[in-house]
Amino acid sequence: KITEVMSRARAIFMFILMGLGTLLIGAGAASADPPLDVPGEITDSAGVLSTSDEARVQEALDAYQKETGFQLFVVYVKSFDGLSGPEWSDQTATKSGLGTTETLLAVAVDDRRYGTSVPNEHPISDDDFARIEKDEIEPALGNDDWAGAAIAAAEGYTDAAKDSGLPWGALLI
């Protein structure tokens, strides 16, 4: 009789462990975000932006577009689903159909990673993009200033575009 009770107890214990394992695996998968087709300029599936933060970011994105003719998309997710920031950003830009005047900044808040996808034809140099990332975007992200990172990107890209001395009107036509 004791053997039968122990056997049932083991079976129940194993059943509970399997259920917990399934829940934990499911919870881990739910927090990963595969590359996506962005629905707009700001996508915050991680829920890190307040309404006022989102308004400030939108204002910076609008100013960047107005002053340069280029567009910046910003995406906040919890995880890059095992991809590097640049891989996730490039795949998302491709899925979203972003063109030669559109840049994507993606931030995985739980992974503590980010990535940018910049079209090859963009007139801002790779060195300028790298400088903006290092000097402006990364410090904001390091302080968990999610809105500040997007604003820093938009302002940095605007300044770099102005400093490039390119004839924006002619390029856009």
Protein backbone atom coordinates (compact mmCIF):
# COMPACT_ATOMS: atom_id res chain seq x y z
CA LYS A 1 0.00 0.00 0.00
CA ILE A 2 2.83 2.44 0.77
CA THR A 3 4.42 1.61 -2.59
CA GLU A 4 1.14 2.38 -4.36
CA VAL A 5 0.80 5.74 -2.54
CA MET A 6 4.43 6.63 -3.36
CA SER A 7 3.88 5.72 -6.99
CA ARG A 8 0.81 7.95 -7.20
CA ALA A 9 2.65 10.77 -5.41
CA ARG A 10 5.52 10.51 -7.92
CA ALA A 11 3.07 10.55 -10.83
CA ILE A 12 1.33 13.63 -9.44
CA PHE A 13 4.67 15.31 -8.78
CA MET A 14 5.85 14.61 -12.37
CA PHE A 15 2.56 15.90 -13.75
CA ILE A 16 2.96 19.13 -11.78
CA LEU A 17 6.58 19.52 -12.92
CA MET A 18 5.60 19.01 -16.56
CA GLY A 19 2.85 21.61 -16.20
CA LEU A 20 5.23 24.11 -14.62
CA GLY A 21 7.81 23.44 -17.34
CA THR A 22 5.22 24.10 -20.03
CA LEU A 23 4.18 27.33 -18.33
CA LEU A 24 7.77 28.53 -17.98
CA ILE A 25 8.64 27.70 -21.58
CA GLY A 26 5.48 29.40 -22.78
CA ALA A 27 6.20 32.49 -20.68
CA GLY A 28 9.70 32.75 -22.12
CA ALA A 29 8.44 32.48 -25.68
CA ALA A 30 5.75 35.07 -25.09
CA SER A 31 8.31 37.73 -24.18
CA ALA A 32 10.31 37.29 -27.41
CA ASP A 33 9.37 39.49 -30.33
CA PRO A 34 10.17 38.25 -33.83
CA PRO A 35 10.82 40.87 -36.54
CA LEU A 36 7.58 42.59 -37.49
CA ASP A 37 5.86 44.85 -39.98
CA VAL A 38 5.78 48.17 -38.12
CA PRO A 39 2.33 49.79 -38.14
CA GLY A 40 3.58 53.37 -37.72
CA GLU A 41 6.49 55.60 -36.83
CA ILE A 42 6.35 54.61 -33.16
CA THR A 43 5.72 51.03 -32.07
CA ASP A 44 5.88 50.38 -28.34
CA SER A 45 4.92 46.77 -27.70
CA ALA A 46 7.22 46.82 -24.64
CA GLY A 47 5.04 49.50 -23.03
CA VAL A 48 7.92 51.75 -21.99
CA LEU A 49 6.61 55.09 -23.29
CA SER A 50 4.08 57.20 -21.45
CA THR A 51 1.64 59.28 -23.46
CA SER A 52 3.77 62.38 -22.95
CA ASP A 53 6.94 60.46 -23.91
CA GLU A 54 5.28 59.28 -27.11
CA ALA A 55 4.24 62.85 -27.94
CA ARG A 56 7.83 64.09 -27.40
CA VAL A 57 9.22 61.32 -29.61
CA GLN A 58 6.66 62.05 -32.34
CA GLU A 59 7.59 65.73 -32.24
CA ALA A 60 11.28 64.85 -32.76
CA LEU A 61 10.44 62.44 -35.60
CA ASP A 62 8.28 65.09 -37.28
CA ALA A 63 11.06 67.69 -37.00
CA TYR A 64 13.59 65.26 -38.50
CA GLN A 65 11.31 64.54 -41.43
CA LYS A 66 10.43 68.20 -41.97
CA GLU A 67 14.05 69.36 -41.92
CA THR A 68 15.61 66.53 -43.93
CA GLY A 69 12.87 64.79 -45.89
CA PHE A 70 13.87 61.50 -44.25
CA GLN A 71 11.79 59.42 -41.88
CA LEU A 72 12.75 57.61 -38.67
CA PHE A 73 10.77 54.67 -37.30
CA VAL A 74 11.23 53.67 -33.65
CA VAL A 75 10.31 50.26 -32.25
CA TYR A 76 10.42 49.15 -28.61
CA VAL A 77 10.06 45.43 -27.91
CA LYS A 78 10.93 43.25 -24.94
CA SER A 79 13.32 40.91 -26.78
CA PHE A 80 14.92 40.49 -30.20
CA ASP A 81 13.98 36.80 -30.22
CA GLY A 82 17.60 35.63 -30.13
CA LEU A 83 18.76 37.91 -32.97
CA SER A 84 21.34 40.69 -32.73
CA GLY A 85 20.05 44.25 -32.79
CA PRO A 86 21.21 44.91 -36.37
CA GLU A 87 19.77 41.58 -37.61
CA TRP A 88 16.39 42.24 -35.97
CA SER A 89 16.31 45.83 -37.24
CA ASP A 90 17.20 44.85 -40.81
CA GLN A 91 14.63 42.05 -40.89
CA THR A 92 11.96 44.36 -39.48
CA ALA A 93 12.82 47.10 -42.00
CA THR A 94 12.52 44.56 -44.81
CA LYS A 95 9.18 43.18 -43.52
CA SER A 96 7.92 46.75 -43.17
CA GLY A 97 8.94 47.72 -46.69
CA LEU A 98 11.01 50.66 -45.52
CA GLY A 99 12.61 52.52 -48.40
CA THR A 100 15.67 54.57 -49.19
CA THR A 101 14.61 57.54 -47.06
CA GLU A 102 13.58 55.57 -43.98
CA THR A 103 15.69 54.51 -41.00
CA LEU A 104 14.67 52.18 -38.18
CA LEU A 105 15.82 52.32 -34.56
CA ALA A 106 14.80 49.22 -32.60
CA VAL A 107 15.26 48.73 -28.87
CA ALA A 108 14.83 45.44 -26.97
CA VAL A 109 14.37 46.66 -23.42
CA ASP A 110 14.69 43.31 -21.61
CA ASP A 111 17.66 42.23 -23.76
CA ARG A 112 19.33 45.61 -23.18
CA ARG A 113 20.16 45.77 -26.91
CA TYR A 114 19.37 48.01 -29.81
CA GLY A 115 19.95 48.12 -33.51
CA THR A 116 19.50 50.46 -36.42
CA SER A 117 18.67 49.70 -40.00
CA VAL A 118 19.88 52.36 -42.40
CA PRO A 119 19.37 52.21 -46.17
CA ASN A 120 22.58 51.99 -48.19
CA GLU A 121 21.56 55.10 -50.12
CA HIS A 122 21.30 57.31 -47.02
CA PRO A 123 23.56 60.36 -47.41
CA ILE A 124 24.53 60.49 -43.72
CA SER A 125 27.84 58.67 -43.44
CA ASP A 126 28.35 55.42 -41.57
CA ASP A 127 30.82 57.26 -39.33
CA ASP A 128 28.14 59.83 -38.43
CA PHE A 129 25.62 57.08 -37.66
CA ALA A 130 28.21 55.30 -35.46
CA ARG A 131 29.03 58.55 -33.65
CA ILE A 132 25.36 59.31 -33.03
CA GLU A 133 24.82 55.81 -31.65
CA LYS A 134 27.84 56.00 -29.34
CA ASP A 135 27.52 59.60 -28.18
CA GLU A 136 23.76 60.15 -28.14
CA ILE A 137 21.64 56.99 -28.32
CA GLU A 138 23.65 54.68 -26.05
CA PRO A 139 23.89 57.10 -23.09
CA ALA A 140 20.11 57.57 -23.11
CA LEU A 141 19.52 53.81 -23.29
CA GLY A 142 22.05 53.26 -20.52
CA ASN A 143 19.86 55.47 -18.31
CA ASP A 144 16.66 53.66 -19.38
CA ASP A 145 15.59 56.89 -21.06
CA TRP A 146 13.67 55.16 -23.84
CA ALA A 147 12.10 58.33 -25.23
CA GLY A 148 15.41 60.19 -24.92
CA ALA A 149 17.14 57.60 -27.10
CA ALA A 150 14.67 58.13 -29.95
CA ILE A 151 14.79 61.91 -29.56
CA ALA A 152 18.61 61.83 -29.51
CA ALA A 153 18.59 59.73 -32.69
CA ALA A 154 16.22 62.12 -34.50
CA GLU A 155 18.14 65.21 -33.40
CA GLY A 156 21.53 63.64 -34.13
CA TYR A 157 20.43 62.53 -37.60
CA THR A 158 19.03 66.01 -38.27
CA ASP A 159 22.29 67.69 -37.25
CA ALA A 160 24.37 65.22 -39.30
CA ALA A 161 22.18 65.81 -42.35
CA LYS A 162 22.55 69.58 -42.01
CA ASP A 163 26.31 69.30 -41.48
CA SER A 164 26.74 67.12 -44.55
CA GLY A 165 26.17 70.14 -46.76
CA LEU A 166 24.10 68.05 -49.16
CA PRO A 167 21.44 69.83 -51.24
CA TRP A 168 18.45 68.10 -49.63
CA GLY A 169 15.86 69.59 -51.96
CA ALA A 170 17.68 68.38 -55.06
CA LEU A 171 18.31 64.94 -53.56
CA LEU A 172 14.68 64.42 -52.65
CA ILE A 173 13.39 65.51 -56.06
